[in-house]
């Protein structure tokens, strides 16, 4: 069996920016974190199109907005905690309200930031960005999807929030994969329960689905890479055909993918929905893989939740 390819989505972000750099309208801003966010890849190739705004994320978003008003497509990057949290007002009022072409590259999202601890482990960013009108939210599952998502964001008219991870994760998509903004992807069909996953939880969902076979449960797996706008059709169809839904995300269970899916199904097709994510708590410092297990963000717990959802529909 071929070795599993692993790559951090932040690395794919840097590689995509480098490819986009030849466009005259592309500028990249960073908040003194270029090595970590991987925008340094762009900086080395296009130093005249890169601006280090220093440790001043709110100001960086204001600069990005100003540049966007002059016709530039601006990528503004920092850790998710600071891009979504510290700069929320500027993102809302200066970027989203006038619907400017600012693309926010938010790296180091979720518990998998690891040793940086609770202050940097942002599990609230999707909830924050979901609340802002005009904002598109993309949370890719692997490096293949992440790279294409950056290209799609560059073409989209309006603000985009892209969520990238620090941890190298297995590749789940083939090289010929085609990213389509706002469209979920069914990775595995099934009739008994549907696992709706995003980000690094997509690979775990596929592993969980395989383990459920031994217990006679046929699980469908859907990758939701675009959380806003959400692909309502694929979720409603799955609810009607399998009768039970599990959501899996490396984010708080409050306001993230689970909340978005539950909102849709409550209105359109009420079925049991069981959410898996970070409970109403902060993270803590530790090795990323150990933390994911401690917080239940793994295939084993997805399978447990899937069995619960399956039983609830009976």
C-alpha atoms as a PDB file:
ATOM      1  CA  UNK A   1       0.000   0.000   0.000  1.00  0.00           C
ATOM      2  CA  UNK A   2       1.309   3.446  -0.919  1.00  0.00           C
ATOM      3  CA  UNK A   3       2.454   5.728   1.869  1.00  0.00           C
ATOM      4  CA  UNK A   4      -0.106   8.258   3.028  1.00  0.00           C
ATOM      5  CA  UNK A   5       0.835  11.784   1.957  1.00  0.00           C
ATOM      6  CA  UNK A   6       0.605  14.311   4.777  1.00  0.00           C
ATOM      7  CA  UNK A   7       0.828  18.076   4.471  1.00  0.00           C
ATOM      8  CA  UNK A   8      -0.337  21.039   6.525  1.00  0.00           C
ATOM      9  CA  UNK A   9      -2.964  23.147   4.795  1.00  0.00           C
ATOM     10  CA  UNK A  10      -0.978  26.273   5.709  1.00  0.00           C
ATOM     11  CA  UNK A  11       1.823  24.995   3.458  1.00  0.00           C
ATOM     12  CA  UNK A  12      -0.609  24.701   0.562  1.00  0.00           C
ATOM     13  CA  UNK A  13      -1.744  28.263   1.282  1.00  0.00           C
ATOM     14  CA  UNK A  14       1.806  29.561   0.875  1.00  0.00           C
ATOM     15  CA  UNK A  15       2.324  27.574  -2.319  1.00  0.00           C
ATOM     16  CA  UNK A  16      -0.927  28.880  -3.828  1.00  0.00           C
ATOM     17  CA  UNK A  17      -0.035  32.491  -3.034  1.00  0.00           C
ATOM     18  CA  UNK A  18       3.264  32.057  -4.827  1.00  0.00           C
ATOM     19  CA  UNK A  19       1.423  30.878  -7.950  1.00  0.00           C
ATOM     20  CA  UNK A  20      -0.998  33.796  -7.753  1.00  0.00           C
ATOM     21  CA  UNK A  21       1.801  36.330  -7.328  1.00  0.00           C
ATOM     22  CA  UNK A  22       2.264  36.910 -11.044  1.00  0.00           C
ATOM     23  CA  UNK A  23      -1.152  38.569 -11.181  1.00  0.00           C
ATOM     24  CA  UNK A  24      -0.880  42.351 -11.134  1.00  0.00           C
ATOM     25  CA  UNK A  25      -3.768  42.770  -8.698  1.00  0.00           C
ATOM     26  CA  UNK A  26      -2.470  40.456  -5.934  1.00  0.00           C
ATOM     27  CA  UNK A  27      -0.987  41.834  -2.710  1.00  0.00           C
ATOM     28  CA  UNK A  28      -0.173  39.913   0.479  1.00  0.00           C
ATOM     29  CA  UNK A  29      -0.157  41.332   4.002  1.00  0.00           C
ATOM     30  CA  UNK A  30       1.034  39.625   7.163  1.00  0.00           C
ATOM     31  CA  UNK A  31       1.191  40.452  10.863  1.00  0.00           C
ATOM     32  CA  UNK A  32       4.822  39.541  11.587  1.00  0.00           C
ATOM     33  CA  UNK A  33       4.095  35.819  11.217  1.00  0.00           C
ATOM     34  CA  UNK A  34       5.213  35.152   7.649  1.00  0.00           C
ATOM     35  CA  UNK A  35       7.261  32.055   8.531  1.00  0.00           C
ATOM     36  CA  UNK A  36       4.365  30.520  10.439  1.00  0.00           C
ATOM     37  CA  UNK A  37       1.571  31.460   8.037  1.00  0.00           C
ATOM     38  CA  UNK A  38       3.779  30.471   5.074  1.00  0.00           C
ATOM     39  CA  UNK A  39       3.288  33.819   3.355  1.00  0.00           C
ATOM     40  CA  UNK A  40       7.083  33.978   3.417  1.00  0.00           C
ATOM     41  CA  UNK A  41       6.924  31.784   0.293  1.00  0.00           C
ATOM     42  CA  UNK A  42       5.221  34.681  -1.493  1.00  0.00           C
ATOM     43  CA  UNK A  43       7.470  37.288   0.110  1.00  0.00           C
ATOM     44  CA  UNK A  44      10.646  35.654  -1.198  1.00  0.00           C
ATOM     45  CA  UNK A  45       9.303  35.621  -4.748  1.00  0.00           C
ATOM     46  CA  UNK A  46       7.445  38.964  -4.756  1.00  0.00           C
ATOM     47  CA  UNK A  47       8.973  41.211  -2.061  1.00  0.00           C
ATOM     48  CA  UNK A  48       7.536  44.382  -3.614  1.00  0.00           C
ATOM     49  CA  UNK A  49       3.997  43.004  -3.320  1.00  0.00           C
ATOM     50  CA  UNK A  50       4.299  41.968   0.321  1.00  0.00           C
ATOM     51  CA  UNK A  51       3.680  44.197   3.350  1.00  0.00           C
ATOM     52  CA  UNK A  52       4.569  43.186   6.898  1.00  0.00           C
ATOM     53  CA  UNK A  53       2.141  45.154   9.049  1.00  0.00           C
ATOM     54  CA  UNK A  54       3.722  44.100  12.335  1.00  0.00           C
ATOM     55  CA  UNK A  55       1.914  42.684  15.340  1.00  0.00           C
ATOM     56  CA  UNK A  56      -1.122  44.852  14.634  1.00  0.00           C
ATOM     57  CA  UNK A  57      -3.825  42.685  13.097  1.00  0.00           C
ATOM     58  CA  UNK A  58      -6.608  45.234  13.394  1.00  0.00           C
ATOM     59  CA  UNK A  59      -4.521  47.807  11.573  1.00  0.00           C
ATOM     60  CA  UNK A  60      -3.581  45.196   8.962  1.00  0.00           C
ATOM     61  CA  UNK A  61      -7.248  44.600   8.149  1.00  0.00           C
ATOM     62  CA  UNK A  62      -7.760  48.340   7.758  1.00  0.00           C
ATOM     63  CA  UNK A  63      -4.797  48.547   5.398  1.00  0.00           C
ATOM     64  CA  UNK A  64      -6.119  45.557   3.446  1.00  0.00           C
ATOM     65  CA  UNK A  65      -9.495  47.242   3.113  1.00  0.00           C
ATOM     66  CA  UNK A  66      -7.936  50.470   1.883  1.00  0.00           C
ATOM     67  CA  UNK A  67      -5.834  48.691  -0.716  1.00  0.00           C
ATOM     68  CA  UNK A  68      -8.855  46.710  -1.876  1.00  0.00           C
ATOM     69  CA  UNK A  69     -10.760  49.923  -2.587  1.00  0.00           C
ATOM     70  CA  UNK A  70      -8.089  50.795  -5.180  1.00  0.00           C
ATOM     71  CA  UNK A  71      -8.623  47.573  -7.123  1.00  0.00           C
ATOM     72  CA  UNK A  72      -6.242  45.145  -5.475  1.00  0.00           C
ATOM     73  CA  UNK A  73      -7.151  41.630  -4.358  1.00  0.00           C
ATOM     74  CA  UNK A  74      -5.557  41.501  -0.935  1.00  0.00           C
ATOM     75  CA  UNK A  75      -4.629  38.437   1.105  1.00  0.00           C
ATOM     76  CA  UNK A  76      -4.266  39.319   4.790  1.00  0.00           C
ATOM     77  CA  UNK A  77      -2.771  36.647   7.025  1.00  0.00           C
ATOM     78  CA  UNK A  78      -2.343  35.887  10.694  1.00  0.00           C
ATOM     79  CA  UNK A  79      -3.262  33.201  13.207  1.00  0.00           C
ATOM     80  CA  UNK A  80      -6.996  32.505  13.352  1.00  0.00           C
ATOM     81  CA  UNK A  81      -7.233  33.782  16.916  1.00  0.00           C
ATOM     82  CA  UNK A  82      -6.019  37.203  15.853  1.00  0.00           C
ATOM     83  CA  UNK A  83      -7.436  37.395  12.332  1.00  0.00           C
ATOM     84  CA  UNK A  84     -10.963  36.528  13.477  1.00  0.00           C
ATOM     85  CA  UNK A  85     -10.826  37.480  17.152  1.00  0.00           C
ATOM     86  CA  UNK A  86      -8.651  40.536  17.623  1.00  0.00           C
ATOM     87  CA  UNK A  87      -9.605  42.106  14.302  1.00  0.00           C
ATOM     88  CA  UNK A  88     -13.319  41.254  14.334  1.00  0.00           C
ATOM     89  CA  UNK A  89     -14.523  44.865  14.204  1.00  0.00           C
ATOM     90  CA  UNK A  90     -12.272  45.791  11.291  1.00  0.00           C
ATOM     91  CA  UNK A  91     -13.220  42.632   9.385  1.00  0.00           C
ATOM     92  CA  UNK A  92     -16.893  43.378   9.943  1.00  0.00           C
ATOM     93  CA  UNK A  93     -16.998  47.119   9.331  1.00  0.00           C
ATOM     94  CA  UNK A  94     -14.084  47.793   6.976  1.00  0.00           C
ATOM     95  CA  UNK A  95     -14.081  44.624   4.851  1.00  0.00           C
ATOM     96  CA  UNK A  96     -17.407  42.781   4.926  1.00  0.00           C
ATOM     97  CA  UNK A  97     -19.774  45.755   5.137  1.00  0.00           C
ATOM     98  CA  UNK A  98     -18.462  47.303   1.865  1.00  0.00           C
ATOM     99  CA  UNK A  99     -17.922  43.770   0.453  1.00  0.00           C
ATOM    100  CA  UNK A 100     -14.288  44.302  -0.465  1.00  0.00           C
ATOM    101  CA  UNK A 101     -11.919  41.821  -2.090  1.00  0.00           C
ATOM    102  CA  UNK A 102      -9.963  40.953   1.014  1.00  0.00           C
ATOM    103  CA  UNK A 103      -9.144  37.285   1.514  1.00  0.00           C
ATOM    104  CA  UNK A 104      -8.253  36.402   5.090  1.00  0.00           C
ATOM    105  CA  UNK A 105      -5.738  33.586   5.419  1.00  0.00           C
ATOM    106  CA  UNK A 106      -6.225  32.414   8.998  1.00  0.00           C
ATOM    107  CA  UNK A 107      -3.698  29.777   9.988  1.00  0.00           C
ATOM    108  CA  UNK A 108      -3.123  27.827  13.224  1.00  0.00           C
ATOM    109  CA  UNK A 109      -6.819  27.257  13.794  1.00  0.00           C
ATOM    110  CA  UNK A 110      -8.257  24.824  16.321  1.00  0.00           C
ATOM    111  CA  UNK A 111      -6.870  22.573  19.046  1.00  0.00           C
ATOM    112  CA  UNK A 112      -4.181  21.202  16.716  1.00  0.00           C
ATOM    113  CA  UNK A 113      -2.098  24.344  17.254  1.00  0.00           C
ATOM    114  CA  UNK A 114      -0.800  22.180  20.102  1.00  0.00           C
ATOM    115  CA  UNK A 115       1.837  23.548  22.468  1.00  0.00           C
ATOM    116  CA  UNK A 116       0.858  27.195  21.868  1.00  0.00           C
ATOM    117  CA  UNK A 117      -2.016  26.576  24.259  1.00  0.00           C
ATOM    118  CA  UNK A 118      -5.458  28.007  24.908  1.00  0.00           C
ATOM    119  CA  UNK A 119      -4.602  31.612  24.051  1.00  0.00           C
ATOM    120  CA  UNK A 120      -3.763  30.608  20.471  1.00  0.00           C
ATOM    121  CA  UNK A 121      -6.112  27.638  19.935  1.00  0.00           C
ATOM    122  CA  UNK A 122      -8.993  29.381  18.214  1.00  0.00           C
ATOM    123  CA  UNK A 123     -12.147  27.254  18.271  1.00  0.00           C
ATOM    124  CA  UNK A 124     -14.514  30.195  17.909  1.00  0.00           C
ATOM    125  CA  UNK A 125     -13.514  31.697  14.559  1.00  0.00           C
ATOM    126  CA  UNK A 126     -16.109  29.968  12.376  1.00  0.00           C
ATOM    127  CA  UNK A 127     -18.854  31.125  14.724  1.00  0.00           C
ATOM    128  CA  UNK A 128     -17.550  34.680  14.574  1.00  0.00           C
ATOM    129  CA  UNK A 129     -17.205  34.765  10.795  1.00  0.00           C
ATOM    130  CA  UNK A 130     -20.585  33.049  10.235  1.00  0.00           C
ATOM    131  CA  UNK A 131     -22.251  35.985  11.963  1.00  0.00           C
ATOM    132  CA  UNK A 132     -20.891  38.517   9.456  1.00  0.00           C
ATOM    133  CA  UNK A 133     -22.953  39.238   6.318  1.00  0.00           C
ATOM    134  CA  UNK A 134     -21.160  38.924   2.936  1.00  0.00           C
ATOM    135  CA  UNK A 135     -18.492  36.630   4.424  1.00  0.00           C
ATOM    136  CA  UNK A 136     -17.564  33.325   2.762  1.00  0.00           C
ATOM    137  CA  UNK A 137     -15.925  30.685   4.993  1.00  0.00           C
ATOM    138  CA  UNK A 138     -13.695  27.914   3.647  1.00  0.00           C
ATOM    139  CA  UNK A 139     -12.191  25.146   5.805  1.00  0.00           C
ATOM    140  CA  UNK A 140     -10.271  22.725   3.551  1.00  0.00           C
ATOM    141  CA  UNK A 141      -9.685  19.071   4.439  1.00  0.00           C
ATOM    142  CA  UNK A 142      -6.210  18.671   2.942  1.00  0.00           C
ATOM    143  CA  UNK A 143      -3.472  20.364   0.934  1.00  0.00           C
ATOM    144  CA  UNK A 144      -5.033  19.589  -2.452  1.00  0.00           C
ATOM    145  CA  UNK A 145      -8.295  21.225  -1.440  1.00  0.00           C
ATOM    146  CA  UNK A 146      -6.555  24.103   0.342  1.00  0.00           C
ATOM    147  CA  UNK A 147      -4.544  25.120  -2.700  1.00  0.00           C
ATOM    148  CA  UNK A 148      -7.569  25.125  -4.970  1.00  0.00           C
ATOM    149  CA  UNK A 149      -9.583  26.981  -2.332  1.00  0.00           C
ATOM    150  CA  UNK A 150      -7.072  29.843  -2.426  1.00  0.00           C
ATOM    151  CA  UNK A 151      -7.456  30.114  -6.196  1.00  0.00           C
ATOM    152  CA  UNK A 152     -11.258  30.088  -5.819  1.00  0.00           C
ATOM    153  CA  UNK A 153     -11.081  32.777  -3.144  1.00  0.00           C
ATOM    154  CA  UNK A 154      -9.016  34.976  -5.447  1.00  0.00           C
ATOM    155  CA  UNK A 155     -11.725  34.731  -8.112  1.00  0.00           C
ATOM    156  CA  UNK A 156     -14.631  35.332  -5.731  1.00  0.00           C
ATOM    157  CA  UNK A 157     -16.048  38.861  -5.636  1.00  0.00           C
ATOM    158  CA  UNK A 158     -16.053  39.776  -1.962  1.00  0.00           C
ATOM    159  CA  UNK A 159     -14.450  38.828   1.350  1.00  0.00           C
ATOM    160  CA  UNK A 160     -13.386  35.259   2.125  1.00  0.00           C
ATOM    161  CA  UNK A 161     -12.212  33.717   5.387  1.00  0.00           C
ATOM    162  CA  UNK A 162      -9.926  30.721   4.808  1.00  0.00           C
ATOM    163  CA  UNK A 163      -9.124  28.460   7.760  1.00  0.00           C
ATOM    164  CA  UNK A 164      -5.801  26.614   7.668  1.00  0.00           C
ATOM    165  CA  UNK A 165      -4.073  24.278  10.100  1.00  0.00           C
ATOM    166  CA  UNK A 166      -0.579  23.893  11.519  1.00  0.00           C
ATOM    167  CA  UNK A 167      -0.667  20.109  11.729  1.00  0.00           C
ATOM    168  CA  UNK A 168       0.267  17.965   8.739  1.00  0.00           C
ATOM    169  CA  UNK A 169      -2.842  15.967   7.817  1.00  0.00           C
ATOM    170  CA  UNK A 170      -3.437  13.030   5.447  1.00  0.00           C
ATOM    171  CA  UNK A 171      -4.433  13.781   1.873  1.00  0.00           C
ATOM    172  CA  UNK A 172      -8.019  12.672   1.183  1.00  0.00           C
ATOM    173  CA  UNK A 173      -8.452  14.137  -2.303  1.00  0.00           C
ATOM    174  CA  UNK A 174      -6.913  12.947  -5.558  1.00  0.00           C
ATOM    175  CA  UNK A 175      -4.662  15.236  -7.603  1.00  0.00           C
ATOM    176  CA  UNK A 176      -7.443  15.657 -10.186  1.00  0.00           C
ATOM    177  CA  UNK A 177      -9.901  16.900  -7.544  1.00  0.00           C
ATOM    178  CA  UNK A 178     -11.909  19.953  -8.578  1.00  0.00           C
ATOM    179  CA  UNK A 179     -12.845  22.432  -5.864  1.00  0.00           C
ATOM    180  CA  UNK A 180     -16.203  24.152  -6.245  1.00  0.00           C
ATOM    181  CA  UNK A 181     -17.040  26.990  -3.885  1.00  0.00           C
ATOM    182  CA  UNK A 182     -20.198  26.332  -1.886  1.00  0.00           C
ATOM    183  CA  UNK A 183     -20.564  22.678  -2.924  1.00  0.00           C
ATOM    184  CA  UNK A 184     -20.185  19.796  -0.487  1.00  0.00           C
ATOM    185  CA  UNK A 185     -18.533  16.574  -1.616  1.00  0.00           C
ATOM    186  CA  UNK A 186     -19.805  13.068  -0.907  1.00  0.00           C
ATOM    187  CA  UNK A 187     -16.671  10.988  -0.340  1.00  0.00           C
ATOM    188  CA  UNK A 188     -18.474   7.780   0.562  1.00  0.00           C
ATOM    189  CA  UNK A 189     -22.078   6.736   0.055  1.00  0.00           C
ATOM    190  CA  UNK A 190     -24.107   5.026   2.761  1.00  0.00           C
ATOM    191  CA  UNK A 191     -27.693   4.437   3.809  1.00  0.00           C
ATOM    192  CA  UNK A 192     -27.802   4.307   7.636  1.00  0.00           C
ATOM    193  CA  UNK A 193     -26.239   7.560   8.890  1.00  0.00           C
ATOM    194  CA  UNK A 194     -24.376  10.527   7.422  1.00  0.00           C
ATOM    195  CA  UNK A 195     -21.165  11.971   8.823  1.00  0.00           C
ATOM    196  CA  UNK A 196     -20.797  15.609   7.793  1.00  0.00           C
ATOM    197  CA  UNK A 197     -17.221  16.702   8.440  1.00  0.00           C
ATOM    198  CA  UNK A 198     -14.948  19.646   7.758  1.00  0.00           C
ATOM    199  CA  UNK A 199     -11.216  20.318   7.905  1.00  0.00           C
ATOM    200  CA  UNK A 200      -8.958  17.685   9.445  1.00  0.00           C
ATOM    201  CA  UNK A 201     -12.023  15.799  10.704  1.00  0.00           C
ATOM    202  CA  UNK A 202     -12.809  14.646   7.164  1.00  0.00           C
ATOM    203  CA  UNK A 203     -10.051  12.030   7.223  1.00  0.00           C
ATOM    204  CA  UNK A 204     -11.200  10.900  10.668  1.00  0.00           C
ATOM    205  CA  UNK A 205     -14.761  10.595   9.341  1.00  0.00           C
ATOM    206  CA  UNK A 206     -13.585   8.258   6.584  1.00  0.00           C
ATOM    207  CA  UNK A 207     -11.761   6.091   9.124  1.00  0.00           C
ATOM    208  CA  UNK A 208     -14.850   6.050  11.346  1.00  0.00           C
ATOM    209  CA  UNK A 209     -17.050   4.988   8.442  1.00  0.00           C
ATOM    210  CA  UNK A 210     -14.775   2.014   7.780  1.00  0.00           C
ATOM    211  CA  UNK A 211     -14.907   0.953  11.431  1.00  0.00           C
ATOM    212  CA  UNK A 212     -18.709   1.174  11.475  1.00  0.00           C
ATOM    213  CA  UNK A 213     -18.909  -1.451   8.730  1.00  0.00           C
ATOM    214  CA  UNK A 214     -17.910  -4.116  11.250  1.00  0.00           C
ATOM    215  CA  UNK A 215     -20.976  -3.211  13.305  1.00  0.00           C
ATOM    216  CA  UNK A 216     -23.290  -3.364  10.327  1.00  0.00           C
ATOM    217  CA  UNK A 217     -23.725   0.398   9.993  1.00  0.00           C
ATOM    218  CA  UNK A 218     -23.377   1.849   6.495  1.00  0.00           C
ATOM    219  CA  UNK A 219     -22.192   5.434   6.910  1.00  0.00           C
ATOM    220  CA  UNK A 220     -22.185   8.162   4.298  1.00  0.00           C
ATOM    221  CA  UNK A 221     -19.361  10.722   4.509  1.00  0.00           C
ATOM    222  CA  UNK A 222     -19.696  14.291   3.261  1.00  0.00           C
ATOM    223  CA  UNK A 223     -16.916  16.868   3.175  1.00  0.00           C
ATOM    224  CA  UNK A 224     -18.181  20.394   3.782  1.00  0.00           C
ATOM    225  CA  UNK A 225     -15.266  22.622   2.805  1.00  0.00           C
ATOM    226  CA  UNK A 226     -17.404  25.748   2.399  1.00  0.00           C
ATOM    227  CA  UNK A 227     -19.238  26.375   5.658  1.00  0.00           C
ATOM    228  CA  UNK A 228     -20.751  29.614   4.402  1.00  0.00           C
ATOM    229  CA  UNK A 229     -22.552  29.523   2.045  1.00  0.00           C
ATOM    230  CA  UNK A 230     -23.513  26.052   3.190  1.00  0.00           C
ATOM    231  CA  UNK A 231     -24.522  23.417   0.640  1.00  0.00           C
ATOM    232  CA  UNK A 232     -28.035  22.961   1.978  1.00  0.00           C
ATOM    233  CA  UNK A 233     -29.073  20.603  -0.803  1.00  0.00           C
ATOM    234  CA  UNK A 234     -26.478  17.918  -0.092  1.00  0.00           C
ATOM    235  CA  UNK A 235     -27.285  17.996   3.625  1.00  0.00           C
ATOM    236  CA  UNK A 236     -31.060  17.851   3.197  1.00  0.00           C
ATOM    237  CA  UNK A 237     -30.694  15.010   0.685  1.00  0.00           C
ATOM    238  CA  UNK A 238     -28.491  13.086   3.129  1.00  0.00           C
ATOM    239  CA  UNK A 239     -30.971  13.635   5.947  1.00  0.00           C
ATOM    240  CA  UNK A 240     -33.845  12.334   3.838  1.00  0.00           C
ATOM    241  CA  UNK A 241     -31.920   9.301   2.600  1.00  0.00           C
ATOM    242  CA  UNK A 242     -30.102   8.221   5.777  1.00  0.00           C
ATOM    243  CA  UNK A 243     -32.341   9.656   8.497  1.00  0.00           C
ATOM    244  CA  UNK A 244     -29.559  10.643  10.891  1.00  0.00           C
ATOM    245  CA  UNK A 245     -26.661  13.112  10.853  1.00  0.00           C
ATOM    246  CA  UNK A 246     -23.390  13.472  12.737  1.00  0.00           C
ATOM    247  CA  UNK A 247     -21.296  16.616  12.357  1.00  0.00           C
ATOM    248  CA  UNK A 248     -17.556  16.614  13.059  1.00  0.00           C
ATOM    249  CA  UNK A 249     -15.336  19.681  13.330  1.00  0.00           C
ATOM    250  CA  UNK A 250     -12.206  20.948  15.046  1.00  0.00           C
ATOM    251  CA  UNK A 251     -14.145  23.904  16.392  1.00  0.00           C
ATOM    252  CA  UNK A 252     -16.542  24.656  19.202  1.00  0.00           C
ATOM    253  CA  UNK A 253     -19.865  22.831  19.041  1.00  0.00           C
ATOM    254  CA  UNK A 254     -21.357  26.308  19.461  1.00  0.00           C
ATOM    255  CA  UNK A 255     -21.842  28.236  16.232  1.00  0.00           C
ATOM    256  CA  UNK A 256     -19.760  26.139  13.854  1.00  0.00           C
ATOM    257  CA  UNK A 257     -20.577  23.480  11.263  1.00  0.00           C
ATOM    258  CA  UNK A 258     -22.803  21.563  13.673  1.00  0.00           C
ATOM    259  CA  UNK A 259     -24.883  24.624  14.369  1.00  0.00           C
ATOM    260  CA  UNK A 260     -25.169  25.479  10.687  1.00  0.00           C
ATOM    261  CA  UNK A 261     -26.309  21.958   9.779  1.00  0.00           C
ATOM    262  CA  UNK A 262     -28.767  21.797  12.673  1.00  0.00           C
ATOM    263  CA  UNK A 263     -30.292  25.130  11.648  1.00  0.00           C
ATOM    264  CA  UNK A 264     -30.923  23.871   8.125  1.00  0.00           C
ATOM    265  CA  UNK A 265     -32.387  20.525   9.153  1.00  0.00           C
ATOM    266  CA  UNK A 266     -34.543  21.977  11.915  1.00  0.00           C
ATOM    267  CA  UNK A 267     -36.306  24.039   9.260  1.00  0.00           C
ATOM    268  CA  UNK A 268     -36.214  21.717   6.263  1.00  0.00           C
ATOM    269  CA  UNK A 269     -35.930  18.072   7.345  1.00  0.00           C
ATOM    270  CA  UNK A 270     -35.912  17.355  11.098  1.00  0.00           C
ATOM    271  CA  UNK A 271     -33.839  14.233  11.846  1.00  0.00           C
ATOM    272  CA  UNK A 272     -31.520  13.336  14.748  1.00  0.00           C
ATOM    273  CA  UNK A 273     -28.376  15.500  14.622  1.00  0.00           C
ATOM    274  CA  UNK A 274     -25.444  14.670  16.903  1.00  0.00           C
ATOM    275  CA  UNK A 275     -22.594  17.187  17.004  1.00  0.00           C
ATOM    276  CA  UNK A 276     -18.941  16.395  17.625  1.00  0.00           C
ATOM    277  CA  UNK A 277     -16.525  19.209  18.300  1.00  0.00           C
ATOM    278  CA  UNK A 278     -14.853  21.034  21.158  1.00  0.00           C
ATOM    279  CA  UNK A 279     -17.321  21.314  23.991  1.00  0.00           C
ATOM    280  CA  UNK A 280     -17.881  24.668  25.725  1.00  0.00           C
ATOM    281  CA  UNK A 281     -14.318  24.833  27.006  1.00  0.00           C
ATOM    282  CA  UNK A 282     -10.873  26.229  26.295  1.00  0.00           C
ATOM    283  CA  UNK A 283      -7.960  24.173  25.004  1.00  0.00           C
ATOM    284  CA  UNK A 284      -4.655  23.557  26.731  1.00  0.00           C
ATOM    285  CA  UNK A 285      -1.020  23.136  25.824  1.00  0.00           C
ATOM    286  CA  UNK A 286       0.199  19.779  24.575  1.00  0.00           C
ATOM    287  CA  UNK A 287       1.193  17.746  21.506  1.00  0.00           C
ATOM    288  CA  UNK A 288      -1.409  18.235  18.763  1.00  0.00           C
ATOM    289  CA  UNK A 289      -2.258  14.571  18.211  1.00  0.00           C
ATOM    290  CA  UNK A 290      -2.661  13.949  21.941  1.00  0.00           C
ATOM    291  CA  UNK A 291      -4.893  16.994  22.302  1.00  0.00           C
ATOM    292  CA  UNK A 292      -7.138  15.879  19.460  1.00  0.00           C
ATOM    293  CA  UNK A 293      -7.658  12.578  21.266  1.00  0.00           C
ATOM    294  CA  UNK A 294      -8.167  14.229  24.662  1.00  0.00           C
ATOM    295  CA  UNK A 295     -10.879  16.457  23.205  1.00  0.00           C
ATOM    296  CA  UNK A 296     -12.503  13.564  21.366  1.00  0.00           C
ATOM    297  CA  UNK A 297     -11.680  14.817  17.888  1.00  0.00           C
ATOM    298  CA  UNK A 298     -10.899  11.458  16.345  1.00  0.00           C
ATOM    299  CA  UNK A 299     -12.401   8.583  14.376  1.00  0.00           C
ATOM    300  CA  UNK A 300     -13.241   6.596  17.493  1.00  0.00           C
ATOM    301  CA  UNK A 301     -15.515   9.316  18.849  1.00  0.00           C
ATOM    302  CA  UNK A 302     -17.060  10.000  15.466  1.00  0.00           C
ATOM    303  CA  UNK A 303     -18.060   6.324  15.342  1.00  0.00           C
ATOM    304  CA  UNK A 304     -19.565   6.570  18.835  1.00  0.00           C
ATOM    305  CA  UNK A 305     -21.594   9.627  17.817  1.00  0.00           C
ATOM    306  CA  UNK A 306     -22.671   7.919  14.593  1.00  0.00           C
ATOM    307  CA  UNK A 307     -23.996   4.926  16.518  1.00  0.00           C
ATOM    308  CA  UNK A 308     -25.887   7.280  18.816  1.00  0.00           C
ATOM    309  CA  UNK A 309     -27.471   9.102  15.862  1.00  0.00           C
ATOM    310  CA  UNK A 310     -28.320   5.766  14.232  1.00  0.00           C
ATOM    311  CA  UNK A 311     -30.083   4.581  17.389  1.00  0.00           C
ATOM    312  CA  UNK A 312     -31.959   7.862  17.805  1.00  0.00           C
ATOM    313  CA  UNK A 313     -33.670   7.505  14.425  1.00  0.00           C
ATOM    314  CA  UNK A 314     -35.218   4.145  15.336  1.00  0.00           C
END
